Amino acid sequence: MVDRSIERELQARYRFTSWPSLVFLRRGEYLGVISGIKDWQEYRQEFIRILAAEPSQPPAFDLGKACGPLS
């Protein structure tokens, strides 16, 4: 659980676009994120994929995904 006062700071740092989100770190380095509500099988598959990953930079922020299509 994260204190609400730093939610937006963490969102900007790890570039996730929806809530709730689970951010995975290893020794402080980014591994991946799972956003939204999923069933347990989906969580399990994502856990396996993310925990097998090498640390990397969070993905680029996608304004269209965060705000919806611009028209």
Protein backbone atom coordinates (compact mmCIF):
# COMPACT_ATOMS: atom_id res chain seq x y z
CA MET A 1 0.00 0.00 0.00
CA VAL A 2 1.25 3.45 -0.91
CA ASP A 3 0.43 6.68 0.85
CA ARG A 4 -1.98 8.68 -1.32
CA SER A 5 0.22 11.77 -1.05
CA ILE A 6 2.90 10.17 -3.28
CA GLU A 7 0.71 8.26 -5.76
CA ARG A 8 1.16 10.79 -8.59
CA GLU A 9 4.92 10.98 -8.00
CA LEU A 10 5.19 7.19 -8.35
CA GLN A 11 2.92 7.23 -11.40
CA ALA A 12 5.21 9.76 -13.10
CA ARG A 13 8.36 7.85 -12.12
CA TYR A 14 7.15 4.41 -13.28
CA ARG A 15 4.84 5.69 -16.05
CA PHE A 16 1.77 3.55 -15.44
CA THR A 17 -1.52 4.92 -16.69
CA SER A 18 -4.26 3.28 -14.66
CA TRP A 19 -5.19 2.32 -11.13
CA PRO A 20 -4.69 0.05 -9.32
CA SER A 21 -1.16 -0.83 -10.43
CA LEU A 22 1.45 -3.18 -9.01
CA VAL A 23 4.98 -1.98 -9.76
CA PHE A 24 7.71 -4.62 -9.57
CA LEU A 25 11.24 -3.64 -8.60
CA ARG A 26 14.38 -5.67 -7.97
CA ARG A 27 16.96 -3.92 -5.81
CA GLY A 28 15.23 -0.66 -6.67
CA GLU A 29 15.32 -1.25 -10.44
CA TYR A 30 12.16 -1.43 -12.55
CA LEU A 31 10.99 -4.85 -13.78
CA GLY A 32 7.42 -4.18 -14.89
CA VAL A 33 3.91 -3.24 -13.91
CA ILE A 34 0.51 -4.88 -13.79
CA SER A 35 -2.36 -2.40 -14.05
CA GLY A 36 -6.04 -2.95 -13.46
CA ILE A 37 -8.03 -5.77 -11.94
CA LYS A 38 -7.26 -9.22 -13.35
CA ASP A 39 -8.23 -12.77 -12.53
CA TRP A 40 -5.71 -14.85 -10.56
CA GLN A 41 -4.48 -16.79 -13.60
CA GLU A 42 -3.62 -13.54 -15.41
CA TYR A 43 -1.78 -12.25 -12.32
CA ARG A 44 0.16 -15.52 -12.09
CA GLN A 45 1.21 -15.35 -15.76
CA GLU A 46 2.27 -11.73 -15.42
CA PHE A 47 4.18 -12.42 -12.16
CA ILE A 48 6.18 -15.15 -13.92
CA ARG A 49 6.94 -12.94 -16.94
CA ILE A 50 7.90 -9.89 -14.90
CA LEU A 51 10.01 -11.72 -12.32
CA ALA A 52 12.00 -13.38 -15.13
CA ALA A 53 12.74 -9.99 -16.74
CA GLU A 54 15.96 -8.04 -16.49
CA PRO A 55 15.71 -4.56 -14.96
CA SER A 56 15.00 -1.81 -17.49
CA GLN A 57 13.67 1.70 -17.81
CA PRO A 58 9.90 2.10 -17.44
CA PRO A 59 8.14 2.35 -20.82
CA ALA A 60 7.65 5.75 -22.38
CA PHE A 61 4.55 7.56 -21.18
CA ASP A 62 1.73 7.21 -23.74
CA LEU A 63 -0.50 10.31 -23.51
CA GLY A 64 -3.15 8.74 -25.77
CA LYS A 65 -3.42 5.70 -23.50
CA ALA A 66 -3.59 7.86 -20.39
CA CYS A 67 -6.10 10.41 -21.72
CA GLY A 68 -7.89 8.58 -24.49
CA PRO A 69 -7.89 9.40 -28.19
CA LEU A 70 -7.48 13.04 -29.15
CA SER A 71 -10.06 14.30 -31.58
